[in-house]
Amino acid sequence: MHAVAVTAVHALLAAEDKKPEDNDVVAGWTGFVVFVVLILAVAVIGWALTRSLRNAGRAKDAGMYGDEPVDTTQEPGADDAK
């Protein structure tokens, strides 16, 4: 009984072992559109992240998160002379 099952499975696998032609497997316009949409999505997410990080930096410098406000009138390194 086992030999019959193995033979049947082998026959089914051999029948399905046809390789498609090179011209049958193409991405087409759908693949191109998906690729372009993904590129645009990454660009928009990157732009939004950069904008949010800049706003958070400005808010931190203004003292909105409990930090001391940054004094922009002093020269860099002026506190190091003490």
PDB file of N, CA and C in Angstrom:
ATOM      1  N   MET A   1       0.818  -1.188   0.000  1.00  0.00           N
ATOM      2  CA  MET A   1       0.000   0.000   0.000  1.00  0.00           C
ATOM      3  C   MET A   1       0.871   1.265   0.000  1.00  0.00           C
ATOM      4  N   HIS A   2       1.956   1.235   0.769  1.00  0.00           N
ATOM      5  CA  HIS A   2       2.854   2.380   0.844  1.00  0.00           C
ATOM      6  C   HIS A   2       3.498   2.655  -0.516  1.00  0.00           C
ATOM      7  N   ALA A   3       3.863   1.616  -1.215  1.00  0.00           N
ATOM      8  CA  ALA A   3       4.499   1.774  -2.521  1.00  0.00           C
ATOM      9  C   ALA A   3       3.553   2.431  -3.516  1.00  0.00           C
ATOM     10  N   VAL A   4       2.272   2.116  -3.436  1.00  0.00           N
ATOM     11  CA  VAL A   4       1.284   2.718  -4.340  1.00  0.00           C
ATOM     12  C   VAL A   4       1.149   4.206  -4.043  1.00  0.00           C
ATOM     13  N   ALA A   5       1.124   4.572  -2.777  1.00  0.00           N
ATOM     14  CA  ALA A   5       1.001   5.975  -2.399  1.00  0.00           C
ATOM     15  C   ALA A   5       2.232   6.765  -2.835  1.00  0.00           C
ATOM     16  N   VAL A   6       3.403   6.190  -2.632  1.00  0.00           N
ATOM     17  CA  VAL A   6       4.636   6.865  -3.039  1.00  0.00           C
ATOM     18  C   VAL A   6       4.672   7.035  -4.546  1.00  0.00           C
ATOM     19  N   THR A   7       4.258   6.023  -5.287  1.00  0.00           N
ATOM     20  CA  THR A   7       4.238   6.101  -6.746  1.00  0.00           C
ATOM     21  C   THR A   7       3.245   7.158  -7.212  1.00  0.00           C
ATOM     22  N   ALA A   8       2.092   7.237  -6.571  1.00  0.00           N
ATOM     23  CA  ALA A   8       1.084   8.221  -6.956  1.00  0.00           C
ATOM     24  C   ALA A   8       1.579   9.644  -6.679  1.00  0.00           C
ATOM     25  N   VAL A   9       2.197   9.848  -5.534  1.00  0.00           N
ATOM     26  CA  VAL A   9       2.722  11.172  -5.201  1.00  0.00           C
ATOM     27  C   VAL A   9       3.842  11.550  -6.159  1.00  0.00           C
ATOM     28  N   HIS A  10       4.710  10.607  -6.471  1.00  0.00           N
ATOM     29  CA  HIS A  10       5.805  10.876  -7.402  1.00  0.00           C
ATOM     30  C   HIS A  10       5.266  11.219  -8.786  1.00  0.00           C
ATOM     31  N   ALA A  11       4.239  10.538  -9.230  1.00  0.00           N
ATOM     32  CA  ALA A  11       3.641  10.817 -10.539  1.00  0.00           C
ATOM     33  C   ALA A  11       3.006  12.204 -10.558  1.00  0.00           C
ATOM     34  N   LEU A  12       2.348  12.590  -9.475  1.00  0.00           N
ATOM     35  CA  LEU A  12       1.738  13.917  -9.405  1.00  0.00           C
ATOM     36  C   LEU A  12       2.797  15.018  -9.397  1.00  0.00           C
ATOM     37  N   LEU A  13       3.868  14.815  -8.656  1.00  0.00           N
ATOM     38  CA  LEU A  13       4.932  15.816  -8.615  1.00  0.00           C
ATOM     39  C   LEU A  13       5.643  15.936  -9.949  1.00  0.00           C
ATOM     40  N   ALA A  14       5.828  14.832 -10.649  1.00  0.00           N
ATOM     41  CA  ALA A  14       6.482  14.867 -11.954  1.00  0.00           C
ATOM     42  C   ALA A  14       5.602  15.564 -12.979  1.00  0.00           C
ATOM     43  N   ALA A  15       4.294  15.424 -12.857  1.00  0.00           N
ATOM     44  CA  ALA A  15       3.381  16.064 -13.799  1.00  0.00           C
ATOM     45  C   ALA A  15       3.349  17.577 -13.595  1.00  0.00           C
ATOM     46  N   GLU A  16       3.563  18.050 -12.383  1.00  0.00           N
ATOM     47  CA  GLU A  16       3.513  19.476 -12.088  1.00  0.00           C
ATOM     48  C   GLU A  16       4.876  20.155 -12.211  1.00  0.00           C
ATOM     49  N   ASP A  17       5.882  19.484 -12.648  1.00  0.00           N
ATOM     50  CA  ASP A  17       7.244  20.010 -12.688  1.00  0.00           C
ATOM     51  C   ASP A  17       7.526  20.753 -13.988  1.00  0.00           C
ATOM     52  N   LYS A  18       6.560  21.485 -14.505  1.00  0.00           N
ATOM     53  CA  LYS A  18       6.756  22.238 -15.740  1.00  0.00           C
ATOM     54  C   LYS A  18       7.245  23.637 -15.391  1.00  0.00           C
ATOM     55  N   LYS A  19       8.308  24.077 -16.045  1.00  0.00           N
ATOM     56  CA  LYS A  19       8.840  25.407 -15.811  1.00  0.00           C
ATOM     57  C   LYS A  19       8.143  26.390 -16.740  1.00  0.00           C
ATOM     58  N   PRO A  20       7.775  27.555 -16.243  1.00  0.00           N
ATOM     59  CA  PRO A  20       7.161  28.551 -17.118  1.00  0.00           C
ATOM     60  C   PRO A  20       8.208  29.162 -18.044  1.00  0.00           C
ATOM     61  N   GLU A  21       7.750  29.662 -19.154  1.00  0.00           N
ATOM     62  CA  GLU A  21       8.633  30.353 -20.095  1.00  0.00           C
ATOM     63  C   GLU A  21       9.078  31.684 -19.484  1.00  0.00           C
ATOM     64  N   ASP A  22      10.182  32.212 -19.989  1.00  0.00           N
ATOM     65  CA  ASP A  22      10.697  33.473 -19.457  1.00  0.00           C
ATOM     66  C   ASP A  22       9.712  34.621 -19.670  1.00  0.00           C
ATOM     67  N   ASN A  23       8.985  34.621 -20.764  1.00  0.00           N
ATOM     68  CA  ASN A  23       8.040  35.696 -21.050  1.00  0.00           C
ATOM     69  C   ASN A  23       6.740  35.556 -20.265  1.00  0.00           C
ATOM     70  N   ASP A  24       6.505  34.411 -19.646  1.00  0.00           N
ATOM     71  CA  ASP A  24       5.282  34.211 -18.876  1.00  0.00           C
ATOM     72  C   ASP A  24       5.370  34.826 -17.486  1.00  0.00           C
ATOM     73  N   VAL A  25       6.564  35.039 -16.986  1.00  0.00           N
ATOM     74  CA  VAL A  25       6.750  35.559 -15.631  1.00  0.00           C
ATOM     75  C   VAL A  25       7.332  36.965 -15.730  1.00  0.00           C
ATOM     76  N   VAL A  26       6.453  37.963 -15.645  1.00  0.00           N
ATOM     77  CA  VAL A  26       6.877  39.360 -15.695  1.00  0.00           C
ATOM     78  C   VAL A  26       6.110  40.133 -14.632  1.00  0.00           C
ATOM     79  N   ALA A  27       6.721  41.182 -14.122  1.00  0.00           N
ATOM     80  CA  ALA A  27       6.062  41.990 -13.097  1.00  0.00           C
ATOM     81  C   ALA A  27       4.978  42.867 -13.709  1.00  0.00           C
ATOM     82  N   GLY A  28       5.250  43.443 -14.856  1.00  0.00           N
ATOM     83  CA  GLY A  28       4.254  44.282 -15.521  1.00  0.00           C
ATOM     84  C   GLY A  28       4.113  45.641 -14.862  1.00  0.00           C
ATOM     85  N   TRP A  29       3.053  46.328 -15.267  1.00  0.00           N
ATOM     86  CA  TRP A  29       2.812  47.675 -14.769  1.00  0.00           C
ATOM     87  C   TRP A  29       2.396  47.681 -13.305  1.00  0.00           C
ATOM     88  N   THR A  30       1.749  46.628 -12.862  1.00  0.00           N
ATOM     89  CA  THR A  30       1.321  46.570 -11.463  1.00  0.00           C
ATOM     90  C   THR A  30       2.526  46.573 -10.528  1.00  0.00           C
ATOM     91  N   GLY A  31       3.532  45.800 -10.849  1.00  0.00           N
ATOM     92  CA  GLY A  31       4.744  45.778 -10.039  1.00  0.00           C
ATOM     93  C   GLY A  31       5.451  47.120 -10.038  1.00  0.00           C
ATOM     94  N   PHE A  32       5.468  47.783 -11.194  1.00  0.00           N
ATOM     95  CA  PHE A  32       6.099  49.093 -11.297  1.00  0.00           C
ATOM     96  C   PHE A  32       5.360  50.118 -10.439  1.00  0.00           C
ATOM     97  N   VAL A  33       4.032  50.099 -10.494  1.00  0.00           N
ATOM     98  CA  VAL A  33       3.233  51.046  -9.713  1.00  0.00           C
ATOM     99  C   VAL A  33       3.424  50.802  -8.216  1.00  0.00           C
ATOM    100  N   VAL A  34       3.441  49.548  -7.803  1.00  0.00           N
ATOM    101  CA  VAL A  34       3.660  49.232  -6.386  1.00  0.00           C
ATOM    102  C   VAL A  34       5.032  49.728  -5.945  1.00  0.00           C
ATOM    103  N   PHE A  35       6.041  49.539  -6.774  1.00  0.00           N
ATOM    104  CA  PHE A  35       7.396  49.985  -6.462  1.00  0.00           C
ATOM    105  C   PHE A  35       7.448  51.504  -6.304  1.00  0.00           C
ATOM    106  N   VAL A  36       6.824  52.237  -7.209  1.00  0.00           N
ATOM    107  CA  VAL A  36       6.823  53.703  -7.144  1.00  0.00           C
ATOM    108  C   VAL A  36       6.067  54.185  -5.907  1.00  0.00           C
ATOM    109  N   VAL A  37       4.937  53.548  -5.604  1.00  0.00           N
ATOM    110  CA  VAL A  37       4.163  53.940  -4.421  1.00  0.00           C
ATOM    111  C   VAL A  37       4.972  53.706  -3.147  1.00  0.00           C
ATOM    112  N   LEU A  38       5.701  52.604  -3.078  1.00  0.00           N
ATOM    113  CA  LEU A  38       6.530  52.342  -1.899  1.00  0.00           C
ATOM    114  C   LEU A  38       7.650  53.373  -1.764  1.00  0.00           C
ATOM    115  N   ILE A  39       8.251  53.761  -2.879  1.00  0.00           N
ATOM    116  CA  ILE A  39       9.297  54.793  -2.830  1.00  0.00           C
ATOM    117  C   ILE A  39       8.714  56.112  -2.327  1.00  0.00           C
ATOM    118  N   LEU A  40       7.545  56.486  -2.838  1.00  0.00           N
ATOM    119  CA  LEU A  40       6.909  57.726  -2.391  1.00  0.00           C
ATOM    120  C   LEU A  40       6.527  57.658  -0.911  1.00  0.00           C
ATOM    121  N   ALA A  41       6.068  56.508  -0.458  1.00  0.00           N
ATOM    122  CA  ALA A  41       5.699  56.356   0.952  1.00  0.00           C
ATOM    123  C   ALA A  41       6.915  56.536   1.853  1.00  0.00           C
ATOM    124  N   VAL A  42       8.039  55.962   1.474  1.00  0.00           N
ATOM    125  CA  VAL A  42       9.265  56.110   2.269  1.00  0.00           C
ATOM    126  C   VAL A  42       9.718  57.567   2.275  1.00  0.00           C
ATOM    127  N   ALA A  43       9.600  58.253   1.136  1.00  0.00           N
ATOM    128  CA  ALA A  43       9.992  59.660   1.070  1.00  0.00           C
ATOM    129  C   ALA A  43       9.109  60.519   1.972  1.00  0.00           C
ATOM    130  N   VAL A  44       7.807  60.281   1.963  1.00  0.00           N
ATOM    131  CA  VAL A  44       6.886  61.060   2.803  1.00  0.00           C
ATOM    132  C   VAL A  44       7.141  60.785   4.281  1.00  0.00           C
ATOM    133  N   ILE A  45       7.364  59.539   4.635  1.00  0.00           N
ATOM    134  CA  ILE A  45       7.639  59.201   6.033  1.00  0.00           C
ATOM    135  C   ILE A  45       8.949  59.843   6.487  1.00  0.00           C
ATOM    136  N   GLY A  46       9.966  59.840   5.639  1.00  0.00           N
ATOM    137  CA  GLY A  46      11.237  60.480   5.977  1.00  0.00           C
ATOM    138  C   GLY A  46      11.087  61.979   6.159  1.00  0.00           C
ATOM    139  N   TRP A  47      10.304  62.610   5.282  1.00  0.00           N
ATOM    140  CA  TRP A  47      10.068  64.049   5.389  1.00  0.00           C
ATOM    141  C   TRP A  47       9.334  64.367   6.690  1.00  0.00           C
ATOM    142  N   ALA A  48       8.304  63.588   7.009  1.00  0.00           N
ATOM    143  CA  ALA A  48       7.528  63.827   8.226  1.00  0.00           C
ATOM    144  C   ALA A  48       8.381  63.609   9.479  1.00  0.00           C
ATOM    145  N   LEU A  49       9.236  62.592   9.463  1.00  0.00           N
ATOM    146  CA  LEU A  49      10.111  62.339  10.611  1.00  0.00           C
ATOM    147  C   LEU A  49      11.089  63.488  10.806  1.00  0.00           C
ATOM    148  N   THR A  50      11.684  63.965   9.728  1.00  0.00           N
ATOM    149  CA  THR A  50      12.625  65.081   9.821  1.00  0.00           C
ATOM    150  C   THR A  50      11.936  66.322  10.371  1.00  0.00           C
ATOM    151  N   ARG A  51      10.737  66.586   9.891  1.00  0.00           N
ATOM    152  CA  ARG A  51       9.980  67.749  10.353  1.00  0.00           C
ATOM    153  C   ARG A  51       9.649  67.630  11.841  1.00  0.00           C
ATOM    154  N   SER A  52       9.225  66.456  12.267  1.00  0.00           N
ATOM    155  CA  SER A  52       8.884  66.248  13.677  1.00  0.00           C
ATOM    156  C   SER A  52      10.107  66.392  14.577  1.00  0.00           C
ATOM    157  N   LEU A  53      11.244  65.868  14.132  1.00  0.00           N
ATOM    158  CA  LEU A  53      12.461  65.981  14.938  1.00  0.00           C
ATOM    159  C   LEU A  53      12.928  67.424  15.048  1.00  0.00           C
ATOM    160  N   ARG A  54      12.775  68.194  13.977  1.00  0.00           N
ATOM    161  CA  ARG A  54      13.142  69.616  14.046  1.00  0.00           C
ATOM    162  C   ARG A  54      12.236  70.363  15.017  1.00  0.00           C
ATOM    163  N   ASN A  55      10.928  70.083  14.954  1.00  0.00           N
ATOM    164  CA  ASN A  55       9.991  70.743  15.872  1.00  0.00           C
ATOM    165  C   ASN A  55      10.276  70.353  17.317  1.00  0.00           C
ATOM    166  N   ALA A  56      10.600  69.099  17.566  1.00  0.00           N
ATOM    167  CA  ALA A  56      10.919  68.655  18.922  1.00  0.00           C
ATOM    168  C   ALA A  56      12.194  69.329  19.418  1.00  0.00           C
ATOM    169  N   GLY A  57      13.176  69.505  18.546  1.00  0.00           N
ATOM    170  CA  GLY A  57      14.411  70.193  18.932  1.00  0.00           C
ATOM    171  C   GLY A  57      14.168  71.646  19.281  1.00  0.00           C
ATOM    172  N   ARG A  58      13.320  72.310  18.483  1.00  0.00           N
ATOM    173  CA  ARG A  58      12.991  73.701  18.781  1.00  0.00           C
ATOM    174  C   ARG A  58      12.223  73.815  20.095  1.00  0.00           C
ATOM    175  N   ALA A  59      11.307  72.888  20.333  1.00  0.00           N
ATOM    176  CA  ALA A  59      10.533  72.918  21.579  1.00  0.00           C
ATOM    177  C   ALA A  59      11.437  72.665  22.780  1.00  0.00           C
ATOM    178  N   LYS A  60      12.403  71.762  22.642  1.00  0.00           N
ATOM    179  CA  LYS A  60      13.339  71.495  23.734  1.00  0.00           C
ATOM    180  C   LYS A  60      14.186  72.731  24.015  1.00  0.00           C
ATOM    181  N   ASP A  61      14.653  73.388  22.953  1.00  0.00           N
ATOM    182  CA  ASP A  61      15.451  74.601  23.136  1.00  0.00           C
ATOM    183  C   ASP A  61      14.637  75.715  23.787  1.00  0.00           C
ATOM    184  N   ALA A  62      13.330  75.731  23.561  1.00  0.00           N
ATOM    185  CA  ALA A  62      12.472  76.757  24.154  1.00  0.00           C
ATOM    186  C   ALA A  62      12.101  76.422  25.594  1.00  0.00           C
ATOM    187  N   GLY A  63      12.442  75.233  26.072  1.00  0.00           N
ATOM    188  CA  GLY A  63      12.177  74.856  27.450  1.00  0.00           C
ATOM    189  C   GLY A  63      10.800  74.274  27.676  1.00  0.00           C
ATOM    190  N   MET A  64      10.177  73.752  26.658  1.00  0.00           N
ATOM    191  CA  MET A  64       8.817  73.226  26.797  1.00  0.00           C
ATOM    192  C   MET A  64       8.773  71.880  27.506  1.00  0.00           C
ATOM    193  N   TYR A  65       9.873  71.178  27.605  1.00  0.00           N
ATOM    194  CA  TYR A  65       9.881  69.846  28.208  1.00  0.00           C
ATOM    195  C   TYR A  65      10.478  69.854  29.611  1.00  0.00           C
ATOM    196  N   GLY A  66      10.487  71.017  30.271  1.00  0.00           N
ATOM    197  CA  GLY A  66      11.028  71.104  31.619  1.00  0.00           C
ATOM    198  C   GLY A  66      12.514  71.425  31.647  1.00  0.00           C
ATOM    199  N   ASP A  67      13.144  71.568  30.502  1.00  0.00           N
ATOM    200  CA  ASP A  67      14.556  71.940  30.444  1.00  0.00           C
ATOM    201  C   ASP A  67      14.678  73.456  30.562  1.00  0.00           C
ATOM    202  N   GLU A  68      15.876  73.889  30.854  1.00  0.00           N
ATOM    203  CA  GLU A  68      16.149  75.320  30.848  1.00  0.00           C
ATOM    204  C   GLU A  68      16.159  75.805  29.403  1.00  0.00           C
ATOM    205  N   PRO A  69      15.548  76.952  29.134  1.00  0.00           N
ATOM    206  CA  PRO A  69      15.605  77.483  27.770  1.00  0.00           C
ATOM    207  C   PRO A  69      17.044  77.778  27.360  1.00  0.00           C
ATOM    208  N   VAL A  70      17.340  77.551  26.115  1.00  0.00           N
ATOM    209  CA  VAL A  70      18.684  77.769  25.591  1.00  0.00           C
ATOM    210  C   VAL A  70      18.858  79.255  25.311  1.00  0.00           C
ATOM    211  N   ASP A  71      19.980  79.816  25.806  1.00  0.00           N
ATOM    212  CA  ASP A  71      20.293  81.220  25.553  1.00  0.00           C
ATOM    213  C   ASP A  71      21.085  81.295  24.255  1.00  0.00           C
ATOM    214  N   THR A  72      20.461  81.811  23.220  1.00  0.00           N
ATOM    215  CA  THR A  72      21.120  81.866  21.911  1.00  0.00           C
ATOM    216  C   THR A  72      21.978  83.109  21.745  1.00  0.00           C
ATOM    217  N   THR A  73      22.004  84.006  22.765  1.00  0.00           N
ATOM    218  CA  THR A  73      22.810  85.222  22.638  1.00  0.00           C
ATOM    219  C   THR A  73      24.261  84.994  23.023  1.00  0.00           C
ATOM    220  N   GLN A  74      24.547  83.941  23.793  1.00  0.00           N
ATOM    221  CA  GLN A  74      25.925  83.657  24.192  1.00  0.00           C
ATOM    222  C   GLN A  74      26.666  82.960  23.062  1.00  0.00           C
ATOM    223  N   GLU A  75      27.974  83.171  23.085  1.00  0.00           N
ATOM    224  CA  GLU A  75      28.811  82.466  22.124  1.00  0.00           C
ATOM    225  C   GLU A  75      29.044  81.048  22.620  1.00  0.00           C
ATOM    226  N   PRO A  76      29.205  80.094  21.722  1.00  0.00           N
ATOM    227  CA  PRO A  76      29.469  78.715  22.157  1.00  0.00           C
ATOM    228  C   PRO A  76      30.777  78.635  22.932  1.00  0.00           C
ATOM    229  N   GLY A  77      30.763  77.941  24.036  1.00  0.00           N
ATOM    230  CA  GLY A  77      31.960  77.761  24.844  1.00  0.00           C
ATOM    231  C   GLY A  77      32.212  78.884  25.824  1.00  0.00           C
ATOM    232  N   ALA A  78      31.294  79.838  25.986  1.00  0.00           N
ATOM    233  CA  ALA A  78      31.497  80.962  26.902  1.00  0.00           C
ATOM    234  C   ALA A  78      31.466  80.501  28.353  1.00  0.00           C
ATOM    235  N   ASP A  79      30.712  79.444  28.658  1.00  0.00           N
ATOM    236  CA  ASP A  79      30.647  78.941  30.028  1.00  0.00           C
ATOM    237  C   ASP A  79      31.887  78.143  30.402  1.00  0.00           C
ATOM    238  N   ASP A  80      32.665  77.712  29.447  1.00  0.00           N
ATOM    239  CA  ASP A  80      33.847  76.903  29.713  1.00  0.00           C
ATOM    240  C   ASP A  80      34.986  77.717  30.319  1.00  0.00           C
ATOM    241  N   ALA A  81      34.956  79.057  30.216  1.00  0.00           N
ATOM    242  CA  ALA A  81      36.047  79.902  30.695  1.00  0.00           C
ATOM    243  C   ALA A  81      36.061  80.010  32.210  1.00  0.00           C
ATOM    244  N   LYS A  82      35.000  79.674  32.892  1.00  0.00           N
ATOM    245  CA  LYS A  82      34.919  79.797  34.355  1.00  0.00           C
ATOM    246  C   LYS A  82      35.790  78.827  35.065  1.00  0.00           C
TER     247      LYS A  82
END
